[in-house]
Amino acid sequence: IESIDITNCSLAKSKLSIGGLLTRTKSLQEFYIDHNSFTGTLPSGLGTLSLLRILSMNHNQFTGFIPTNIGNLNELLLFSLSLRGRTLITTFTLSLGPEKKL
């Protein structure tokens, strides 16, 4: 599986119950869960998806910490997360790619 899109599926869970599935889906490159009602914390398994290029989780109700290992996703081009009046805390940094001499 290279892409999972469950946008606008009216899903609501206290935890993103597909977290276990994600850790077994090592070839995943695109993951969209926009416009659902997921709550709770983001699963740390997201940070193990080394080929992930797009992670879009807009308009859910996550709280707590963003897993720091998401900052290790070297292929990640888009990390999109907007919230509905919630607060998330993070300490990771994302690189803009390898440094190049101009």
PDB file of N, CA and C in Angstrom:
ATOM      1  N   ILE A   1       0.858  -1.180   0.000  1.00  0.00           N
ATOM      2  CA  ILE A   1       0.000   0.000   0.000  1.00  0.00           C
ATOM      3  C   ILE A   1       0.893   1.228   0.000  1.00  0.00           C
ATOM      4  N   GLU A   2       0.684   2.107  -0.976  1.00  0.00           N
ATOM      5  CA  GLU A   2       1.466   3.336  -1.058  1.00  0.00           C
ATOM      6  C   GLU A   2       0.677   4.556  -0.622  1.00  0.00           C
ATOM      7  N   SER A   3      -0.668   4.476  -0.629  1.00  0.00           N
ATOM      8  CA  SER A   3      -1.485   5.636  -0.275  1.00  0.00           C
ATOM      9  C   SER A   3      -2.728   5.190   0.495  1.00  0.00           C
ATOM     10  N   ILE A   4      -3.033   5.921   1.567  1.00  0.00           N
ATOM     11  CA  ILE A   4      -4.271   5.719   2.313  1.00  0.00           C
ATOM     12  C   ILE A   4      -4.962   7.070   2.397  1.00  0.00           C
ATOM     13  N   ASP A   5      -6.216   7.131   1.967  1.00  0.00           N
ATOM     14  CA  ASP A   5      -6.987   8.366   2.024  1.00  0.00           C
ATOM     15  C   ASP A   5      -8.334   8.066   2.674  1.00  0.00           C
ATOM     16  N   ILE A   6      -8.496   8.510   3.909  1.00  0.00           N
ATOM     17  CA  ILE A   6      -9.769   8.356   4.613  1.00  0.00           C
ATOM     18  C   ILE A   6     -10.307   9.742   4.987  1.00  0.00           C
ATOM     19  N   THR A   7     -10.192  10.662   4.052  1.00  0.00           N
ATOM     20  CA  THR A   7     -10.693  12.021   4.224  1.00  0.00           C
ATOM     21  C   THR A   7     -12.215  12.022   4.208  1.00  0.00           C
ATOM     22  N   ASN A   8     -12.813  12.824   5.076  1.00  0.00           N
ATOM     23  CA  ASN A   8     -14.272  12.994   5.131  1.00  0.00           C
ATOM     24  C   ASN A   8     -15.028  11.677   5.275  1.00  0.00           C
ATOM     25  N   CYS A   9     -14.561  10.812   6.132  1.00  0.00           N
ATOM     26  CA  CYS A   9     -15.226   9.521   6.336  1.00  0.00           C
ATOM     27  C   CYS A   9     -16.016   9.464   7.640  1.00  0.00           C
ATOM     28  N   SER A  10     -16.156  10.593   8.311  1.00  0.00           N
ATOM     29  CA  SER A  10     -16.907  10.667   9.571  1.00  0.00           C
ATOM     30  C   SER A  10     -16.392   9.674  10.610  1.00  0.00           C
ATOM     31  N   LEU A  11     -15.080   9.537  10.666  1.00  0.00           N
ATOM     32  CA  LEU A  11     -14.469   8.626  11.624  1.00  0.00           C
ATOM     33  C   LEU A  11     -14.148   9.354  12.916  1.00  0.00           C
ATOM     34  N   ALA A  12     -14.330   8.680  14.029  1.00  0.00           N
ATOM     35  CA  ALA A  12     -14.037   9.255  15.335  1.00  0.00           C
ATOM     36  C   ALA A  12     -13.555   8.152  16.256  1.00  0.00           C
ATOM     37  N   LYS A  13     -12.389   8.324  16.788  1.00  0.00           N
ATOM     38  CA  LYS A  13     -11.814   7.381  17.748  1.00  0.00           C
ATOM     39  C   LYS A  13     -11.026   8.176  18.773  1.00  0.00           C
ATOM     40  N   SER A  14     -10.952   7.642  19.990  1.00  0.00           N
ATOM     41  CA  SER A  14     -10.161   8.312  21.001  1.00  0.00           C
ATOM     42  C   SER A  14      -8.676   8.177  20.702  1.00  0.00           C
ATOM     43  N   LYS A  15      -8.317   7.160  19.965  1.00  0.00           N
ATOM     44  CA  LYS A  15      -6.951   7.023  19.473  1.00  0.00           C
ATOM     45  C   LYS A  15      -7.040   6.608  18.019  1.00  0.00           C
ATOM     46  N   LEU A  16      -6.076   7.006  17.268  1.00  0.00           N
ATOM     47  CA  LEU A  16      -6.046   6.631  15.858  1.00  0.00           C
ATOM     48  C   LEU A  16      -5.790   5.131  15.789  1.00  0.00           C
ATOM     49  N   SER A  17      -6.845   4.362  15.716  1.00  0.00           N
ATOM     50  CA  SER A  17      -6.760   2.911  15.863  1.00  0.00           C
ATOM     51  C   SER A  17      -6.011   2.228  14.723  1.00  0.00           C
ATOM     52  N   ILE A  18      -5.746   2.936  13.656  1.00  0.00           N
ATOM     53  CA  ILE A  18      -4.992   2.315  12.571  1.00  0.00           C
ATOM     54  C   ILE A  18      -3.494   2.476  12.768  1.00  0.00           C
ATOM     55  N   GLY A  19      -3.091   2.976  13.927  1.00  0.00           N
ATOM     56  CA  GLY A  19      -1.664   3.127  14.221  1.00  0.00           C
ATOM     57  C   GLY A  19      -0.889   1.840  14.062  1.00  0.00           C
ATOM     58  N   GLY A  20      -1.460   0.710  14.520  1.00  0.00           N
ATOM     59  CA  GLY A  20      -0.810  -0.586  14.363  1.00  0.00           C
ATOM     60  C   GLY A  20      -0.659  -0.983  12.908  1.00  0.00           C
ATOM     61  N   LEU A  21      -1.678  -0.686  12.116  1.00  0.00           N
ATOM     62  CA  LEU A  21      -1.606  -0.969  10.685  1.00  0.00           C
ATOM     63  C   LEU A  21      -0.487  -0.168  10.038  1.00  0.00           C
ATOM     64  N   LEU A  22      -0.347   1.080  10.432  1.00  0.00           N
ATOM     65  CA  LEU A  22       0.669   1.936   9.830  1.00  0.00           C
ATOM     66  C   LEU A  22       2.067   1.398  10.040  1.00  0.00           C
ATOM     67  N   THR A  23       2.338   0.855  11.203  1.00  0.00           N
ATOM     68  CA  THR A  23       3.683   0.349  11.464  1.00  0.00           C
ATOM     69  C   THR A  23       3.997  -0.881  10.616  1.00  0.00           C
ATOM     70  N   ARG A  24       2.970  -1.547  10.092  1.00  0.00           N
ATOM     71  CA  ARG A  24       3.179  -2.700   9.215  1.00  0.00           C
ATOM     72  C   ARG A  24       3.092  -2.317   7.740  1.00  0.00           C
ATOM     73  N   THR A  25       2.877  -1.059   7.447  1.00  0.00           N
ATOM     74  CA  THR A  25       2.729  -0.582   6.070  1.00  0.00           C
ATOM     75  C   THR A  25       3.953   0.265   5.719  1.00  0.00           C
ATOM     76  N   LYS A  26       5.080  -0.385   5.628  1.00  0.00           N
ATOM     77  CA  LYS A  26       6.357   0.324   5.447  1.00  0.00           C
ATOM     78  C   LYS A  26       6.480   1.024   4.097  1.00  0.00           C
ATOM     79  N   SER A  27       5.687   0.638   3.107  1.00  0.00           N
ATOM     80  CA  SER A  27       5.785   1.255   1.779  1.00  0.00           C
ATOM     81  C   SER A  27       4.885   2.484   1.641  1.00  0.00           C
ATOM     82  N   LEU A  28       4.176   2.863   2.710  1.00  0.00           N
ATOM     83  CA  LEU A  28       3.232   3.977   2.647  1.00  0.00           C
ATOM     84  C   LEU A  28       3.952   5.289   2.326  1.00  0.00           C
ATOM     85  N   GLN A  29       3.452   5.996   1.313  1.00  0.00           N
ATOM     86  CA  GLN A  29       4.029   7.266   0.890  1.00  0.00           C
ATOM     87  C   GLN A  29       3.097   8.449   1.126  1.00  0.00           C
ATOM     88  N   GLU A  30       1.790   8.204   1.145  1.00  0.00           N
ATOM     89  CA  GLU A  30       0.814   9.278   1.323  1.00  0.00           C
ATOM     90  C   GLU A  30      -0.247   8.818   2.314  1.00  0.00           C
ATOM     91  N   PHE A  31      -0.539   9.680   3.307  1.00  0.00           N
ATOM     92  CA  PHE A  31      -1.522   9.339   4.329  1.00  0.00           C
ATOM     93  C   PHE A  31      -2.385  10.560   4.595  1.00  0.00           C
ATOM     94  N   TYR A  32      -3.671  10.454   4.260  1.00  0.00           N
ATOM     95  CA  TYR A  32      -4.626  11.552   4.413  1.00  0.00           C
ATOM     96  C   TYR A  32      -5.741  11.122   5.359  1.00  0.00           C
ATOM     97  N   ILE A  33      -5.935  11.870   6.440  1.00  0.00           N
ATOM     98  CA  ILE A  33      -7.060  11.601   7.349  1.00  0.00           C
ATOM     99  C   ILE A  33      -7.794  12.903   7.668  1.00  0.00           C
ATOM    100  N   ASP A  34      -7.831  13.804   6.738  1.00  0.00           N
ATOM    101  CA  ASP A  34      -8.443  15.120   6.928  1.00  0.00           C
ATOM    102  C   ASP A  34      -9.944  15.022   7.180  1.00  0.00           C
ATOM    103  N   HIS A  35     -10.461  16.012   7.911  1.00  0.00           N
ATOM    104  CA  HIS A  35     -11.902  16.208   8.118  1.00  0.00           C
ATOM    105  C   HIS A  35     -12.611  14.971   8.688  1.00  0.00           C
ATOM    106  N   ASN A  36     -12.064  14.453   9.768  1.00  0.00           N
ATOM    107  CA  ASN A  36     -12.713  13.409  10.544  1.00  0.00           C
ATOM    108  C   ASN A  36     -12.837  13.946  11.967  1.00  0.00           C
ATOM    109  N   SER A  37     -13.037  13.098  12.922  1.00  0.00           N
ATOM    110  CA  SER A  37     -13.140  13.549  14.311  1.00  0.00           C
ATOM    111  C   SER A  37     -12.223  12.742  15.217  1.00  0.00           C
ATOM    112  N   PHE A  38     -11.005  12.461  14.724  1.00  0.00           N
ATOM    113  CA  PHE A  38     -10.044  11.747  15.546  1.00  0.00           C
ATOM    114  C   PHE A  38      -9.645  12.610  16.736  1.00  0.00           C
ATOM    115  N   THR A  39      -9.508  11.983  17.894  1.00  0.00           N
ATOM    116  CA  THR A  39      -9.103  12.687  19.111  1.00  0.00           C
ATOM    117  C   THR A  39      -7.919  11.968  19.730  1.00  0.00           C
ATOM    118  N   GLY A  40      -7.384  12.549  20.789  1.00  0.00           N
ATOM    119  CA  GLY A  40      -6.275  11.921  21.497  1.00  0.00           C
ATOM    120  C   GLY A  40      -4.947  12.294  20.875  1.00  0.00           C
ATOM    121  N   THR A  41      -3.952  11.476  21.158  1.00  0.00           N
ATOM    122  CA  THR A  41      -2.600  11.767  20.691  1.00  0.00           C
ATOM    123  C   THR A  41      -2.331  11.083  19.356  1.00  0.00           C
ATOM    124  N   LEU A  42      -1.360  11.609  18.642  1.00  0.00           N
ATOM    125  CA  LEU A  42      -0.943  11.007  17.380  1.00  0.00           C
ATOM    126  C   LEU A  42      -0.106   9.759  17.680  1.00  0.00           C
ATOM    127  N   PRO A  43      -0.281   8.680  16.921  1.00  0.00           N
ATOM    128  CA  PRO A  43       0.497   7.466  17.186  1.00  0.00           C
ATOM    129  C   PRO A  43       1.962   7.644  16.805  1.00  0.00           C
ATOM    130  N   SER A  44       2.847   7.157  17.658  1.00  0.00           N
ATOM    131  CA  SER A  44       4.277   7.284  17.373  1.00  0.00           C
ATOM    132  C   SER A  44       4.672   6.465  16.154  1.00  0.00           C
ATOM    133  N   GLY A  45       3.837   5.492  15.759  1.00  0.00           N
ATOM    134  CA  GLY A  45       4.124   4.691  14.572  1.00  0.00           C
ATOM    135  C   GLY A  45       4.229   5.510  13.299  1.00  0.00           C
ATOM    136  N   LEU A  46       3.657   6.705  13.298  1.00  0.00           N
ATOM    137  CA  LEU A  46       3.768   7.565  12.116  1.00  0.00           C
ATOM    138  C   LEU A  46       5.235   7.870  11.801  1.00  0.00           C
ATOM    139  N   GLY A  47       6.041   8.003  12.818  1.00  0.00           N
ATOM    140  CA  GLY A  47       7.447   8.349  12.628  1.00  0.00           C
ATOM    141  C   GLY A  47       8.312   7.224  12.114  1.00  0.00           C
ATOM    142  N   THR A  48       7.744   6.029  11.979  1.00  0.00           N
ATOM    143  CA  THR A  48       8.516   4.892  11.474  1.00  0.00           C
ATOM    144  C   THR A  48       8.310   4.672   9.980  1.00  0.00           C
ATOM    145  N   LEU A  49       7.473   5.481   9.372  1.00  0.00           N
ATOM    146  CA  LEU A  49       7.156   5.315   7.950  1.00  0.00           C
ATOM    147  C   LEU A  49       8.194   6.045   7.101  1.00  0.00           C
ATOM    148  N   SER A  50       9.321   5.407   6.895  1.00  0.00           N
ATOM    149  CA  SER A  50      10.481   6.071   6.292  1.00  0.00           C
ATOM    150  C   SER A  50      10.263   6.560   4.865  1.00  0.00           C
ATOM    151  N   LEU A  51       9.279   6.037   4.143  1.00  0.00           N
ATOM    152  CA  LEU A  51       9.018   6.475   2.766  1.00  0.00           C
ATOM    153  C   LEU A  51       7.918   7.523   2.667  1.00  0.00           C
ATOM    154  N   LEU A  52       7.340   7.894   3.806  1.00  0.00           N
ATOM    155  CA  LEU A  52       6.207   8.824   3.806  1.00  0.00           C
ATOM    156  C   LEU A  52       6.607  10.182   3.237  1.00  0.00           C
ATOM    157  N   ARG A  53       5.841  10.635   2.235  1.00  0.00           N
ATOM    158  CA  ARG A  53       6.084  11.935   1.606  1.00  0.00           C
ATOM    159  C   ARG A  53       5.016  12.946   1.985  1.00  0.00           C
ATOM    160  N   ILE A  54       3.775  12.494   2.203  1.00  0.00           N
ATOM    161  CA  ILE A  54       2.665  13.389   2.524  1.00  0.00           C
ATOM    162  C   ILE A  54       1.941  12.859   3.754  1.00  0.00           C
ATOM    163  N   LEU A  55       1.804  13.718   4.759  1.00  0.00           N
ATOM    164  CA  LEU A  55       1.066  13.396   5.970  1.00  0.00           C
ATOM    165  C   LEU A  55       0.102  14.542   6.217  1.00  0.00           C
ATOM    166  N   SER A  56      -1.178  14.309   5.930  1.00  0.00           N
ATOM    167  CA  SER A  56      -2.186  15.362   6.006  1.00  0.00           C
ATOM    168  C   SER A  56      -3.268  14.950   6.998  1.00  0.00           C
ATOM    169  N   MET A  57      -3.363  15.709   8.099  1.00  0.00           N
ATOM    170  CA  MET A  57      -4.265  15.359   9.199  1.00  0.00           C
ATOM    171  C   MET A  57      -5.100  16.559   9.632  1.00  0.00           C
ATOM    172  N   ASN A  58      -5.519  17.361   8.707  1.00  0.00           N
ATOM    173  CA  ASN A  58      -6.246  18.591   9.017  1.00  0.00           C
ATOM    174  C   ASN A  58      -7.644  18.332   9.574  1.00  0.00           C
ATOM    175  N   HIS A  59      -8.096  19.244  10.413  1.00  0.00           N
ATOM    176  CA  HIS A  59      -9.468  19.284  10.927  1.00  0.00           C
ATOM    177  C   HIS A  59      -9.875  18.010  11.662  1.00  0.00           C
ATOM    178  N   ASN A  60      -9.060  17.648  12.641  1.00  0.00           N
ATOM    179  CA  ASN A  60      -9.388  16.599  13.595  1.00  0.00           C
ATOM    180  C   ASN A  60      -9.290  17.232  14.970  1.00  0.00           C
ATOM    181  N   GLN A  61      -9.289  16.457  16.013  1.00  0.00           N
ATOM    182  CA  GLN A  61      -9.278  16.997  17.374  1.00  0.00           C
ATOM    183  C   GLN A  61      -8.156  16.385  18.205  1.00  0.00           C
ATOM    184  N   PHE A  62      -6.972  16.276  17.630  1.00  0.00           N
ATOM    185  CA  PHE A  62      -5.835  15.714  18.342  1.00  0.00           C
ATOM    186  C   PHE A  62      -5.381  16.646  19.465  1.00  0.00           C
ATOM    187  N   THR A  63      -4.828  16.058  20.501  1.00  0.00           N
ATOM    188  CA  THR A  63      -4.244  16.820  21.611  1.00  0.00           C
ATOM    189  C   THR A  63      -2.946  16.135  22.028  1.00  0.00           C
ATOM    190  N   GLY A  64      -2.216  16.780  22.918  1.00  0.00           N
ATOM    191  CA  GLY A  64      -1.012  16.163  23.466  1.00  0.00           C
ATOM    192  C   GLY A  64       0.222  16.507  22.667  1.00  0.00           C
ATOM    193  N   PHE A  65       1.086  15.526  22.534  1.00  0.00           N
ATOM    194  CA  PHE A  65       2.376  15.732  21.894  1.00  0.00           C
ATOM    195  C   PHE A  65       2.381  15.185  20.470  1.00  0.00           C
ATOM    196  N   ILE A  66       3.091  15.883  19.594  1.00  0.00           N
ATOM    197  CA  ILE A  66       3.379  15.347  18.267  1.00  0.00           C
ATOM    198  C   ILE A  66       4.606  14.461  18.449  1.00  0.00           C
ATOM    199  N   PRO A  67       4.552  13.209  18.014  1.00  0.00           N
ATOM    200  CA  PRO A  67       5.707  12.325  18.203  1.00  0.00           C
ATOM    201  C   PRO A  67       6.976  12.919  17.595  1.00  0.00           C
ATOM    202  N   THR A  68       8.030  12.956  18.384  1.00  0.00           N
ATOM    203  CA  THR A  68       9.272  13.578  17.908  1.00  0.00           C
ATOM    204  C   THR A  68       9.886  12.827  16.742  1.00  0.00           C
ATOM    205  N   ASN A  69       9.608  11.527  16.617  1.00  0.00           N
ATOM    206  CA  ASN A  69      10.219  10.780  15.523  1.00  0.00           C
ATOM    207  C   ASN A  69       9.658  11.159  14.155  1.00  0.00           C
ATOM    208  N   ILE A  70       8.590  11.948  14.105  1.00  0.00           N
ATOM    209  CA  ILE A  70       8.112  12.458  12.816  1.00  0.00           C
ATOM    210  C   ILE A  70       9.181  13.357  12.189  1.00  0.00           C
ATOM    211  N   GLY A  71       9.978  13.995  13.012  1.00  0.00           N
ATOM    212  CA  GLY A  71      11.072  14.824  12.507  1.00  0.00           C
ATOM    213  C   GLY A  71      12.154  14.038  11.798  1.00  0.00           C
ATOM    214  N   ASN A  72      12.140  12.715  11.916  1.00  0.00           N
ATOM    215  CA  ASN A  72      13.140  11.866  11.262  1.00  0.00           C
ATOM    216  C   ASN A  72      12.710  11.379   9.890  1.00  0.00           C
ATOM    217  N   LEU A  73      11.538  11.784   9.438  1.00  0.00           N
ATOM    218  CA  LEU A  73      11.037  11.323   8.139  1.00  0.00           C
ATOM    219  C   LEU A  73      11.709  12.120   7.025  1.00  0.00           C
ATOM    220  N   ASN A  74      12.785  11.590   6.496  1.00  0.00           N
ATOM    221  CA  ASN A  74      13.608  12.297   5.515  1.00  0.00           C
ATOM    222  C   ASN A  74      12.918  12.540   4.179  1.00  0.00           C
ATOM    223  N   GLU A  75      11.931  11.729   3.831  1.00  0.00           N
ATOM    224  CA  GLU A  75      11.229  11.876   2.556  1.00  0.00           C
ATOM    225  C   GLU A  75      10.011  12.800   2.657  1.00  0.00           C
ATOM    226  N   LEU A  76       9.674  13.234   3.854  1.00  0.00           N
ATOM    227  CA  LEU A  76       8.449  13.999   4.075  1.00  0.00           C
ATOM    228  C   LEU A  76       8.516  15.365   3.377  1.00  0.00           C
ATOM    229  N   LEU A  77       7.572  15.601   2.467  1.00  0.00           N
ATOM    230  CA  LEU A  77       7.483  16.859   1.736  1.00  0.00           C
ATOM    231  C   LEU A  77       6.378  17.748   2.287  1.00  0.00           C
ATOM    232  N   LEU A  78       5.310  17.130   2.807  1.00  0.00           N
ATOM    233  CA  LEU A  78       4.169  17.885   3.315  1.00  0.00           C
ATOM    234  C   LEU A  78       3.712  17.285   4.635  1.00  0.00           C
ATOM    235  N   PHE A  79       3.714  18.124   5.670  1.00  0.00           N
ATOM    236  CA  PHE A  79       3.167  17.757   6.976  1.00  0.00           C
ATOM    237  C   PHE A  79       2.121  18.809   7.283  1.00  0.00           C
ATOM    238  N   SER A  80       0.848  18.441   7.132  1.00  0.00           N
ATOM    239  CA  SER A  80      -0.236  19.400   7.257  1.00  0.00           C
ATOM    240  C   SER A  80      -1.132  19.004   8.426  1.00  0.00           C
ATOM    241  N   LEU A  81      -1.250  19.927   9.392  1.00  0.00           N
ATOM    242  CA  LEU A  81      -2.020  19.644  10.592  1.00  0.00           C
ATOM    243  C   LEU A  81      -2.648  20.939  11.072  1.00  0.00           C
ATOM    244  N   SER A  82      -3.945  21.074  10.875  1.00  0.00           N
ATOM    245  CA  SER A  82      -4.670  22.204  11.450  1.00  0.00           C
ATOM    246  C   SER A  82      -5.648  21.637  12.460  1.00  0.00           C
ATOM    247  N   LEU A  83      -5.961  22.421  13.460  1.00  0.00           N
ATOM    248  CA  LEU A  83      -6.730  21.915  14.596  1.00  0.00           C
ATOM    249  C   LEU A  83      -7.994  22.710  14.804  1.00  0.00           C
ATOM    250  N   ARG A  84      -8.942  22.116  15.479  1.00  0.00           N
ATOM    251  CA  ARG A  84     -10.185  22.787  15.850  1.00  0.00           C
ATOM    252  C   ARG A  84     -10.097  23.195  17.318  1.00  0.00           C
ATOM    253  N   GLY A  85      -9.419  24.273  17.606  1.00  0.00           N
ATOM    254  CA  GLY A  85      -9.353  24.778  18.968  1.00  0.00           C
ATOM    255  C   GLY A  85      -8.580  23.893  19.918  1.00  0.00           C
ATOM    256  N   ARG A  86      -7.672  23.084  19.428  1.00  0.00           N
ATOM    257  CA  ARG A  86      -6.878  22.176  20.260  1.00  0.00           C
ATOM    258  C   ARG A  86      -5.435  22.636  20.302  1.00  0.00           C
ATOM    259  N   THR A  87      -4.686  22.069  21.207  1.00  0.00           N
ATOM    260  CA  THR A  87      -3.276  22.410  21.342  1.00  0.00           C
ATOM    261  C   THR A  87      -2.437  21.148  21.238  1.00  0.00           C
ATOM    262  N   LEU A  88      -1.402  21.205  20.425  1.00  0.00           N
ATOM    263  CA  LEU A  88      -0.425  20.130  20.334  1.00  0.00           C
ATOM    264  C   LEU A  88       0.937  20.714  20.665  1.00  0.00           C
ATOM    265  N   ILE A  89       1.785  19.903  21.233  1.00  0.00           N
ATOM    266  CA  ILE A  89       3.118  20.344  21.638  1.00  0.00           C
ATOM    267  C   ILE A  89       4.134  19.517  20.879  1.00  0.00           C
ATOM    268  N   THR A  90       5.192  20.171  20.405  1.00  0.00           N
ATOM    269  CA  THR A  90       6.241  19.443  19.704  1.00  0.00           C
ATOM    270  C   THR A  90       7.605  20.035  19.998  1.00  0.00           C
ATOM    271  N   THR A  91       8.625  19.202  19.856  1.00  0.00           N
ATOM    272  CA  THR A  91       9.996  19.660  20.003  1.00  0.00           C
ATOM    273  C   THR A  91      10.847  19.232  18.819  1.00  0.00           C
ATOM    274  N   PHE A  92      10.220  18.692  17.767  1.00  0.00           N
ATOM    275  CA  PHE A  92      11.022  18.238  16.639  1.00  0.00           C
ATOM    276  C   PHE A  92      11.216  19.358  15.630  1.00  0.00           C
ATOM    277  N   THR A  93      12.212  19.190  14.778  1.00  0.00           N
ATOM    278  CA  THR A  93      12.442  20.123  13.681  1.00  0.00           C
ATOM    279  C   THR A  93      12.464  19.326  12.386  1.00  0.00           C
ATOM    280  N   LEU A  94      12.005  19.932  11.340  1.00  0.00           N
ATOM    281  CA  LEU A  94      12.034  19.301  10.030  1.00  0.00           C
ATOM    282  C   LEU A  94      13.112  19.969   9.187  1.00  0.00           C
ATOM    283  N   SER A  95      13.901  19.169   8.526  1.00  0.00           N
ATOM    284  CA  SER A  95      14.940  19.677   7.653  1.00  0.00           C
ATOM    285  C   SER A  95      14.336  20.021   6.300  1.00  0.00           C
ATOM    286  N   LEU A  96      14.887  20.997   5.651  1.00  0.00           N
ATOM    287  CA  LEU A  96      14.440  21.350   4.310  1.00  0.00           C
ATOM    288  C   LEU A  96      15.231  20.617   3.245  1.00  0.00           C
ATOM    289  N   GLY A  97      15.980  19.625   3.646  1.00  0.00           N
ATOM    290  CA  GLY A  97      16.761  18.833   2.703  1.00  0.00           C
ATOM    291  C   GLY A  97      18.232  19.084   2.882  1.00  0.00           C
ATOM    292  N   PRO A  98      19.041  18.376   2.130  1.00  0.00           N
ATOM    293  CA  PRO A  98      20.493  18.517   2.267  1.00  0.00           C
ATOM    294  C   PRO A  98      20.958  19.916   1.859  1.00  0.00           C
ATOM    295  N   GLU A  99      21.987  20.378   2.547  1.00  0.00           N
ATOM    296  CA  GLU A  99      22.537  21.687   2.195  1.00  0.00           C
ATOM    297  C   GLU A  99      23.228  21.610   0.852  1.00  0.00           C
ATOM    298  N   LYS A 100      23.086  22.650   0.067  1.00  0.00           N
ATOM    299  CA  LYS A 100      23.724  22.698  -1.239  1.00  0.00           C
ATOM    300  C   LYS A 100      24.513  23.995  -1.349  1.00  0.00           C
ATOM    301  N   LYS A 101      25.644  23.905  -1.969  1.00  0.00           N
ATOM    302  CA  LYS A 101      26.436  25.113  -2.227  1.00  0.00           C
ATOM    303  C   LYS A 101      25.901  25.803  -3.448  1.00  0.00           C
ATOM    304  N   LEU A 102      25.736  27.120  -3.349  1.00  0.00           N
ATOM    305  CA  LEU A 102      25.232  27.877  -4.495  1.00  0.00           C
ATOM    306  C   LEU A 102      26.353  28.538  -5.243  1.00  0.00           C
TER     307      LEU A 102
END
